[in-house]
């Protein structure tokens, strides 16, 4: 008689729960019901917590759930007579199971895989992040907009837009319809090639099989009541440790996210600062070139002023000599003509050059200009 497929899912709602599940699955924590001599037969795969954080960082849409499910753990096995049989191809069976789950939840959402051979019945654990791709959409929703006169909520139907992105949505995979479909399609696609079939839909017998699977050791104990009492105490203590681990896991993750954000901010600030430094250096080089050009031009102007001053000094001496000669010998018409030419030259001197002349020579030039102006008015 053929056996049955067994596939169940478990919701992991915190970083601590995921970490505890992975620690159990990869044997970081050693369960008492595991056989140490068979530990080397176990199979492990996946990046674990690192992949979980990468996947969660890709989520762009906030969950509306009060306590969103961060990961789903799937238990995969079969009835003990089949899964523990040396003739059953367990390696191929678990490979087919992972291919099915990759297609169902997305291979990019895979976190961790562990196949245990060191317990009474061989079984596999597969952990995924329940992240789905959302398309941009618009739907009508009833929203509270205030209160009526009698104090009741006042609601209106409004168009609400949803952006495209990635979001956590465990309900899509664990709802009633999804769970029924899981049992059916898993049996058809994974179990059938290995001679396994689906349990009877709606039957309570399947729960007896699962209890048998998880409670195999308890049935072997002589005093089950005493054992259950001790297990209850251990479970209470484990819950306390689990709560603490949950909080520490959340705190560590939050600190890591904050540090990553700070690192990105500092990197952007450094990039902007490097750009500003490069701009200042380029501006400094431009200013140096401008300064060099100005210095060169100043040297040229200084040389020109010196040349003009030297010429004026020579001209002043010549003028003084001629004025002395005129005092002795009154000017002839030819000399008067030459004097007018000199006066015209003096009148044409630029103001900037006149200001650079020695005080006495500048005074003489001003006198000639004033005389020329007076003569122009008298005419």
Protein backbone atom coordinates (compact mmCIF):
# COMPACT_ATOMS: atom_id res chain seq x y z
CA UNK A 1 0.00 0.00 0.00
CA UNK A 2 1.35 3.44 -0.94
CA UNK A 3 2.17 5.98 1.72
CA UNK A 4 1.25 9.63 2.15
CA UNK A 5 3.10 12.88 1.65
CA UNK A 6 3.48 15.04 4.75
CA UNK A 7 3.97 18.79 4.31
CA UNK A 8 3.23 21.42 6.96
CA UNK A 9 4.10 25.10 7.38
CA UNK A 10 4.98 27.13 10.48
CA UNK A 11 4.94 30.92 10.85
CA UNK A 12 8.06 32.65 12.18
CA UNK A 13 7.12 36.17 13.33
CA UNK A 14 10.38 37.60 14.64
CA UNK A 15 14.12 37.62 13.98
CA UNK A 16 14.56 35.57 17.15
CA UNK A 17 12.10 32.90 15.98
CA UNK A 18 13.90 32.55 12.65
CA UNK A 19 17.29 32.39 14.37
CA UNK A 20 16.03 29.73 16.81
CA UNK A 21 14.61 27.65 13.95
CA UNK A 22 17.87 27.80 11.99
CA UNK A 23 19.92 26.99 15.12
CA UNK A 24 17.77 23.89 15.65
CA UNK A 25 17.84 22.86 12.01
CA UNK A 26 21.59 23.23 11.46
CA UNK A 27 22.26 21.65 14.88
CA UNK A 28 23.84 24.73 16.44
CA UNK A 29 21.57 23.70 19.30
CA UNK A 30 21.57 19.92 19.88
CA UNK A 31 18.09 18.38 20.35
CA UNK A 32 17.94 15.52 22.84
CA UNK A 33 16.10 13.24 20.42
CA UNK A 34 18.89 13.42 17.80
CA UNK A 35 21.40 10.58 17.39
CA UNK A 36 24.95 12.09 17.42
CA UNK A 37 26.32 9.09 15.51
CA UNK A 38 24.10 10.00 12.52
CA UNK A 39 24.75 13.75 12.56
CA UNK A 40 27.15 13.50 9.60
CA UNK A 41 24.30 12.26 7.39
CA UNK A 42 22.38 15.53 7.71
CA UNK A 43 22.23 17.95 4.77
CA UNK A 44 22.31 21.77 5.06
CA UNK A 45 21.99 24.53 2.46
CA UNK A 46 21.41 28.30 2.35
CA UNK A 47 22.84 31.55 3.76
CA UNK A 48 20.44 31.67 6.71
CA UNK A 49 20.17 34.95 8.64
CA UNK A 50 22.28 36.91 6.14
CA UNK A 51 19.84 36.04 3.34
CA UNK A 52 16.88 36.83 5.62
CA UNK A 53 18.16 40.35 6.23
CA UNK A 54 18.88 40.84 2.52
CA UNK A 55 15.36 39.75 1.61
CA UNK A 56 13.71 41.90 4.29
CA UNK A 57 15.75 44.92 3.15
CA UNK A 58 14.21 44.52 -0.33
CA UNK A 59 10.67 45.03 1.05
CA UNK A 60 9.29 48.40 -0.11
CA UNK A 61 5.68 48.19 1.10
CA UNK A 62 4.95 48.22 4.83
CA UNK A 63 2.83 45.34 6.14
CA UNK A 64 -0.60 46.16 7.53
CA UNK A 65 -0.46 43.15 9.88
CA UNK A 66 -0.02 43.90 13.60
CA UNK A 67 2.67 41.21 13.83
CA UNK A 68 3.89 40.42 10.28
CA UNK A 69 5.29 36.97 9.53
CA UNK A 70 8.97 37.31 8.57
CA UNK A 71 9.48 33.73 7.38
CA UNK A 72 7.66 30.45 6.73
CA UNK A 73 9.19 27.10 7.70
CA UNK A 74 7.96 24.04 5.77
CA UNK A 75 8.31 20.54 7.22
CA UNK A 76 8.47 17.90 4.48
CA UNK A 77 8.49 14.13 5.00
CA UNK A 78 6.31 11.08 4.34
CA UNK A 79 4.78 8.23 6.33
CA UNK A 80 7.57 6.45 8.27
CA UNK A 81 7.28 3.15 6.34
CA UNK A 82 8.20 4.95 3.10
CA UNK A 83 10.56 7.76 4.17
CA UNK A 84 12.71 5.43 6.33
CA UNK A 85 12.85 2.64 3.77
CA UNK A 86 16.34 2.04 2.23
CA UNK A 87 14.60 1.64 -1.16
CA UNK A 88 13.08 5.15 -1.03
CA UNK A 89 15.09 7.82 -2.94
CA UNK A 90 15.08 10.45 -0.19
CA UNK A 91 17.66 12.70 -1.87
CA UNK A 92 15.54 13.00 -5.03
CA UNK A 93 12.37 13.44 -2.97
CA UNK A 94 13.71 16.42 -1.00
CA UNK A 95 15.23 17.89 -4.17
CA UNK A 96 11.78 17.75 -5.80
CA UNK A 97 10.24 19.29 -2.67
CA UNK A 98 12.63 22.26 -2.79
CA UNK A 99 11.95 22.76 -6.51
CA UNK A 100 8.21 22.84 -5.73
CA UNK A 101 8.68 25.38 -2.90
CA UNK A 102 11.00 27.51 -5.07
CA UNK A 103 8.23 27.72 -7.65
CA UNK A 104 5.58 28.42 -5.01
CA UNK A 105 7.38 31.12 -2.99
CA UNK A 106 10.16 32.21 -5.38
CA UNK A 107 13.71 30.85 -5.39
CA UNK A 108 14.97 34.35 -4.50
CA UNK A 109 13.08 34.08 -1.18
CA UNK A 110 14.85 30.86 -0.10
CA UNK A 111 16.62 31.18 3.29
CA UNK A 112 17.68 27.78 4.63
CA UNK A 113 17.31 24.04 4.10
CA UNK A 114 18.09 21.18 6.47
CA UNK A 115 17.42 17.47 5.95
CA UNK A 116 17.66 15.46 9.19
CA UNK A 117 18.72 11.82 9.17
CA UNK A 118 19.63 11.81 12.86
CA UNK A 119 16.03 11.55 14.17
CA UNK A 120 13.56 8.67 14.20
CA UNK A 121 11.94 9.66 10.87
CA UNK A 122 13.89 11.39 8.11
CA UNK A 123 12.44 14.83 7.32
CA UNK A 124 13.37 18.17 5.77
CA UNK A 125 12.98 21.80 6.90
CA UNK A 126 12.74 24.58 4.29
CA UNK A 127 12.59 28.28 5.30
CA UNK A 128 11.45 31.08 2.96
CA UNK A 129 10.53 34.75 3.28
CA UNK A 130 6.88 35.19 2.15
CA UNK A 131 7.61 38.20 -0.07
CA UNK A 132 5.40 38.91 -3.09
CA UNK A 133 5.63 41.36 -5.97
CA UNK A 134 2.87 43.99 -5.98
CA UNK A 135 1.62 45.70 -9.12
CA UNK A 136 0.45 49.31 -9.05
CA UNK A 137 -3.31 49.33 -8.60
CA UNK A 138 -6.28 51.39 -7.43
CA UNK A 139 -9.21 50.11 -5.37
CA UNK A 140 -12.16 51.53 -3.51
CA UNK A 141 -11.93 51.41 0.28
CA UNK A 142 -14.16 52.56 3.13
CA UNK A 143 -12.24 54.99 5.35
CA UNK A 144 -13.17 56.82 8.56
CA UNK A 145 -13.44 60.57 7.92
CA UNK A 146 -14.92 61.75 11.22
CA UNK A 147 -17.89 61.24 13.50
CA UNK A 148 -21.62 61.71 13.11
CA UNK A 149 -23.71 63.89 15.45
CA UNK A 150 -24.50 60.86 17.62
CA UNK A 151 -20.78 60.03 18.01
CA UNK A 152 -20.59 57.13 15.57
CA UNK A 153 -17.86 56.77 12.99
CA UNK A 154 -18.50 58.53 9.71
CA UNK A 155 -17.10 56.66 6.71
CA UNK A 156 -16.63 57.40 3.03
CA UNK A 157 -15.66 55.22 0.08
CA UNK A 158 -12.51 56.57 -1.56
CA UNK A 159 -10.14 55.52 -4.31
CA UNK A 160 -6.88 54.29 -2.78
CA UNK A 161 -3.77 53.78 -4.90
CA UNK A 162 -1.22 51.05 -4.21
CA UNK A 163 2.29 51.48 -5.56
CA UNK A 164 4.23 48.68 -7.21
CA UNK A 165 6.82 47.04 -4.97
CA UNK A 166 7.65 44.09 -2.70
CA UNK A 167 5.71 43.21 0.44
CA UNK A 168 5.47 40.52 3.12
CA UNK A 169 2.29 38.46 2.66
CA UNK A 170 2.25 35.15 4.53
CA UNK A 171 -1.53 34.91 4.24
CA UNK A 172 -1.23 34.23 0.51
CA UNK A 173 0.59 30.97 1.33
CA UNK A 174 -1.02 29.97 4.66
CA UNK A 175 -4.70 30.85 4.24
CA UNK A 176 -7.26 28.05 4.26
CA UNK A 177 -7.57 27.79 0.47
CA UNK A 178 -3.79 28.04 0.01
CA UNK A 179 -3.18 25.31 2.62
CA UNK A 180 -5.67 22.94 0.93
CA UNK A 181 -4.08 23.65 -2.47
CA UNK A 182 -0.64 22.98 -0.96
CA UNK A 183 -1.64 19.45 0.14
CA UNK A 184 -3.14 18.67 -3.26
CA UNK A 185 -0.51 20.09 -5.61
CA UNK A 186 2.42 18.91 -3.46
CA UNK A 187 1.09 15.35 -3.58
CA UNK A 188 0.57 15.55 -7.33
CA UNK A 189 3.85 17.20 -8.30
CA UNK A 190 6.23 15.87 -5.63
CA UNK A 191 4.70 12.78 -4.05
CA UNK A 192 3.17 10.96 -7.03
CA UNK A 193 6.51 10.21 -8.81
CA UNK A 194 7.63 8.46 -5.59
CA UNK A 195 4.43 6.46 -5.09
CA UNK A 196 3.04 8.82 -2.42
CA UNK A 197 -0.45 10.27 -2.34
CA UNK A 198 -2.42 12.99 -0.62
CA UNK A 199 -4.21 12.33 2.65
CA UNK A 200 -8.01 12.32 2.62
CA UNK A 201 -9.21 15.92 2.30
CA UNK A 202 -10.93 17.04 5.51
CA UNK A 203 -10.01 13.87 7.37
CA UNK A 204 -8.91 14.15 11.01
CA UNK A 205 -6.75 11.06 10.62
CA UNK A 206 -3.92 13.10 9.20
CA UNK A 207 -3.55 14.91 12.53
CA UNK A 208 -2.97 11.56 14.22
CA UNK A 209 -0.11 10.89 11.83
CA UNK A 210 1.50 14.25 12.52
CA UNK A 211 1.23 13.71 16.26
CA UNK A 212 2.80 10.32 15.78
CA UNK A 213 5.65 11.94 13.89
CA UNK A 214 6.35 14.67 16.44
CA UNK A 215 5.57 12.55 19.53
CA UNK A 216 7.52 9.42 18.62
CA UNK A 217 9.79 9.59 21.63
CA UNK A 218 7.04 10.35 24.16
CA UNK A 219 5.26 7.06 23.36
CA UNK A 220 8.43 5.18 24.31
CA UNK A 221 8.63 6.72 27.78
CA UNK A 222 7.49 4.65 30.73
CA UNK A 223 6.02 7.51 32.74
CA UNK A 224 4.47 9.91 30.21
CA UNK A 225 2.85 12.16 32.81
CA UNK A 226 6.12 12.88 34.60
CA UNK A 227 7.86 13.48 31.29
CA UNK A 228 5.19 15.90 30.13
CA UNK A 229 5.53 17.82 33.40
CA UNK A 230 9.25 18.20 32.88
CA UNK A 231 8.72 19.18 29.25
CA UNK A 232 6.21 21.84 30.31
CA UNK A 233 8.76 23.33 32.71
CA UNK A 234 11.44 23.28 30.02
CA UNK A 235 9.04 24.85 27.54
CA UNK A 236 8.21 27.68 29.95
CA UNK A 237 11.90 28.36 30.49
CA UNK A 238 12.52 28.16 26.74
CA UNK A 239 9.71 30.65 26.11
CA UNK A 240 11.37 33.11 28.49
CA UNK A 241 14.71 32.65 26.75
CA UNK A 242 12.98 32.87 23.38
CA UNK A 243 11.31 36.17 24.27
CA UNK A 244 14.65 37.59 25.33
CA UNK A 245 16.29 36.23 22.18
CA UNK A 246 13.49 37.74 20.08
CA UNK A 247 14.04 41.18 21.54
CA UNK A 248 17.81 40.94 21.27
CA UNK A 249 17.47 39.78 17.69
CA UNK A 250 15.19 42.71 16.85
CA UNK A 251 17.52 45.15 18.63
CA UNK A 252 20.59 43.85 16.80
CA UNK A 253 18.81 44.00 13.47
CA UNK A 254 17.64 47.57 14.18
CA UNK A 255 21.18 48.60 15.12
CA UNK A 256 22.55 47.00 11.96
CA UNK A 257 19.98 48.85 9.84
CA UNK A 258 20.80 52.14 11.61
CA UNK A 259 24.55 51.62 11.10
CA UNK A 260 24.02 50.75 7.45
CA UNK A 261 21.94 53.93 6.97
CA UNK A 262 24.61 56.00 8.74
CA UNK A 263 27.31 54.43 6.56
CA UNK A 264 25.42 55.37 3.40
CA UNK A 265 24.89 58.94 4.67
CA UNK A 266 28.61 59.31 5.50
CA UNK A 267 29.60 57.88 2.12
CA UNK A 268 27.36 60.41 0.35
CA UNK A 269 28.75 63.25 2.52
CA UNK A 270 32.33 62.19 1.69
CA UNK A 271 31.48 62.07 -2.02
CA UNK A 272 30.06 65.61 -1.89
CA UNK A 273 33.06 66.83 0.13
CA UNK A 274 35.50 65.29 -2.40
CA UNK A 275 33.64 67.09 -5.21
CA UNK A 276 33.87 70.40 -3.34
CA UNK A 277 37.60 69.93 -2.66
CA UNK A 278 38.21 69.16 -6.34
CA UNK A 279 36.23 72.31 -7.27
CA UNK A 280 38.25 74.47 -4.84
CA UNK A 281 41.51 73.08 -6.23
CA UNK A 282 40.44 73.82 -9.79
CA UNK A 283 39.38 77.36 -8.76
CA UNK A 284 42.73 77.86 -7.01
CA UNK A 285 44.58 76.90 -10.20
CA UNK A 286 42.44 79.36 -12.19
CA UNK A 287 43.14 82.14 -9.68
CA UNK A 288 46.87 81.46 -9.88
CA UNK A 289 46.74 81.80 -13.66
CA UNK A 290 44.72 85.03 -13.40
CA UNK A 291 47.16 86.41 -10.80
CA UNK A 292 50.12 85.60 -13.03
CA UNK A 293 48.44 87.39 -15.94
CA UNK A 294 47.66 90.44 -13.79
CA UNK A 295 51.24 90.61 -12.53
CA UNK A 296 52.52 90.46 -16.09
CA UNK A 297 50.15 93.22 -17.18
CA UNK A 298 51.12 95.36 -14.17
CA UNK A 299 54.79 95.02 -15.08
CA UNK A 300 54.00 96.18 -18.62
CA UNK A 301 52.00 99.17 -17.33
CA UNK A 302 54.75 100.09 -14.85
CA UNK A 303 57.31 100.06 -17.68
CA UNK A 304 55.03 102.22 -19.85
CA UNK A 305 54.47 104.72 -17.02
CA UNK A 306 58.20 104.89 -16.37
CA UNK A 307 58.84 105.52 -20.05
CA UNK A 308 56.20 108.25 -20.20
CA UNK A 309 57.46 109.89 -17.00
CA UNK A 310 61.02 109.90 -18.34
CA UNK A 311 59.84 111.51 -21.57
CA UNK A 312 57.87 114.17 -19.68
CA UNK A 313 60.82 114.98 -17.45
CA UNK A 314 62.96 115.49 -20.54
CA UNK A 315 60.21 117.59 -22.09
CA UNK A 316 59.92 119.67 -18.88
CA UNK A 317 63.62 120.45 -18.92
CA UNK A 318 63.40 121.45 -22.56
CA UNK A 319 60.35 123.60 -21.80
CA UNK A 320 62.10 125.37 -18.92
CA UNK A 321 65.10 126.02 -21.14
CA UNK A 322 62.91 127.46 -23.86
CA UNK A 323 60.99 129.64 -21.38
CA UNK A 324 64.30 131.06 -20.18
CA UNK A 325 65.34 131.71 -23.76
CA UNK A 326 62.03 133.40 -24.47
CA UNK A 327 62.53 135.71 -21.55
CA UNK A 328 65.73 136.94 -23.21
CA UNK A 329 64.56 136.70 -26.80
CA UNK A 330 60.83 137.29 -27.34
CA UNK A 331 59.21 134.55 -29.40
CA UNK A 332 59.02 134.88 -33.10
CA UNK A 333 55.93 133.77 -35.01
CA UNK A 334 57.64 130.43 -35.65
CA UNK A 335 58.25 129.88 -31.96
CA UNK A 336 54.67 130.79 -31.12
CA UNK A 337 53.53 128.18 -33.57
CA UNK A 338 55.72 125.55 -31.95
CA UNK A 339 54.44 126.60 -28.51
CA UNK A 340 50.89 125.99 -29.64
CA UNK A 341 51.88 122.52 -30.81
CA UNK A 342 53.41 121.76 -27.41
CA UNK A 343 50.34 123.09 -25.65
CA UNK A 344 48.19 120.78 -27.75
CA UNK A 345 50.37 117.83 -26.84
CA UNK A 346 50.08 118.66 -23.15
CA UNK A 347 46.31 118.98 -23.45
CA UNK A 348 46.16 115.50 -25.00
CA UNK A 349 47.96 113.79 -22.12
CA UNK A 350 45.69 111.20 -20.45
CA UNK A 351 44.60 111.91 -16.87
CA UNK A 352 45.94 108.57 -15.64
CA UNK A 353 49.40 109.47 -16.87
CA UNK A 354 49.26 113.00 -15.42
CA UNK A 355 48.48 111.57 -11.95
CA UNK A 356 51.68 109.49 -12.12
CA UNK A 357 53.92 112.57 -12.78
CA UNK A 358 56.11 114.14 -10.07
CA UNK A 359 54.36 116.92 -8.16
CA UNK A 360 56.24 119.84 -9.80
CA UNK A 361 55.86 118.50 -13.31
CA UNK A 362 52.18 117.69 -12.69
CA UNK A 363 51.70 121.29 -11.49
CA UNK A 364 53.35 122.62 -14.67
CA UNK A 365 51.11 120.44 -16.88
CA UNK A 366 48.00 121.61 -14.99
CA UNK A 367 49.14 125.21 -15.53
CA UNK A 368 49.50 124.69 -19.29
CA UNK A 369 46.06 123.02 -19.45
CA UNK A 370 44.49 125.87 -17.47
CA UNK A 371 46.09 128.47 -19.76
CA UNK A 372 44.81 126.62 -22.81
CA UNK A 373 41.32 126.54 -21.30
CA UNK A 374 41.41 130.28 -20.52
CA UNK A 375 42.58 131.10 -24.03
CA UNK A 376 39.73 128.96 -25.40
CA UNK A 377 37.18 130.90 -23.33
CA UNK A 378 38.59 134.26 -24.33
CA UNK A 379 38.10 133.40 -27.97
